Amino acid sequence: MNQEFKSFFKKSKAMSKFHEILKNVKKSPQKSAKEKRAEKRERRAMKNESINLKKVFEEKEK
């Protein structure tokens, strides 16, 4: 029982140290709403292009 408690305590201590390190790591700069919208627009356009290409290839095979 005592051994289990010691190992648990060591793990929790290590985890708290890990979380402390994570807090200290600099956060990546936040993107503005404009940038996020632009990225969404690009992804949507790429998705539409791939769908259109699939349709073209399907039509050529027929």
Protein backbone atom coordinates (compact mmCIF):
# COMPACT_ATOMS: atom_id res chain seq x y z
CA MET A 1 0.00 0.00 0.00
CA ASN A 2 2.74 2.42 0.98
CA GLN A 3 4.74 1.59 -2.16
CA GLU A 4 1.70 2.30 -4.36
CA PHE A 5 1.26 5.68 -2.70
CA LYS A 6 4.91 6.58 -3.29
CA SER A 7 4.75 5.69 -6.98
CA PHE A 8 1.49 7.66 -7.34
CA PHE A 9 3.07 10.66 -5.63
CA LYS A 10 6.10 10.52 -7.95
CA LYS A 11 3.84 10.36 -11.01
CA SER A 12 1.69 13.27 -9.86
CA LYS A 13 4.80 15.32 -9.11
CA ALA A 14 6.14 14.60 -12.59
CA MET A 15 2.81 15.53 -14.16
CA SER A 16 2.66 18.84 -12.29
CA LYS A 17 6.19 19.59 -13.50
CA PHE A 18 5.11 18.72 -17.04
CA HIS A 19 2.11 21.07 -16.85
CA GLU A 20 4.31 23.81 -15.44
CA ILE A 21 6.64 23.46 -18.42
CA LEU A 22 3.69 23.58 -20.81
CA LYS A 23 2.50 26.83 -19.24
CA ASN A 24 5.92 28.41 -19.68
CA VAL A 25 6.18 27.51 -23.35
CA LYS A 26 5.34 30.51 -25.47
CA LYS A 27 1.96 30.27 -27.14
CA SER A 28 1.79 30.57 -30.90
CA PRO A 29 0.48 33.93 -32.06
CA GLN A 30 -3.28 33.97 -32.50
CA LYS A 31 -4.62 34.37 -36.02
CA SER A 32 -6.99 37.19 -36.75
CA ALA A 33 -10.55 36.49 -37.84
CA LYS A 34 -9.67 37.68 -41.35
CA GLU A 35 -6.86 35.14 -41.64
CA LYS A 36 -9.09 32.33 -40.36
CA ARG A 37 -11.81 33.19 -42.89
CA ALA A 38 -9.25 33.32 -45.70
CA GLU A 39 -7.94 29.87 -44.75
CA LYS A 40 -11.48 28.45 -44.64
CA ARG A 41 -12.18 29.96 -48.04
CA GLU A 42 -9.00 28.38 -49.47
CA ARG A 43 -9.86 24.96 -48.00
CA ARG A 44 -13.38 25.14 -49.39
CA ALA A 45 -12.06 26.10 -52.83
CA MET A 46 -9.57 23.22 -52.81
CA LYS A 47 -12.30 20.79 -51.78
CA ASN A 48 -14.57 22.00 -54.60
CA GLU A 49 -11.73 21.65 -57.12
CA SER A 50 -11.05 18.05 -56.08
CA ILE A 51 -14.76 17.20 -56.36
CA ASN A 52 -14.89 18.77 -59.82
CA LEU A 53 -11.81 16.79 -60.92
CA LYS A 54 -13.44 13.54 -59.77
CA LYS A 55 -16.50 14.33 -61.86
CA VAL A 56 -14.35 15.06 -64.93
CA PHE A 57 -12.48 11.76 -64.60
CA GLU A 58 -15.72 9.83 -64.11
CA GLU A 59 -17.19 11.39 -67.26
CA LYS A 60 -14.06 10.55 -69.30
CA GLU A 61 -14.23 6.90 -68.23
CA LYS A 62 -17.81 6.52 -69.50
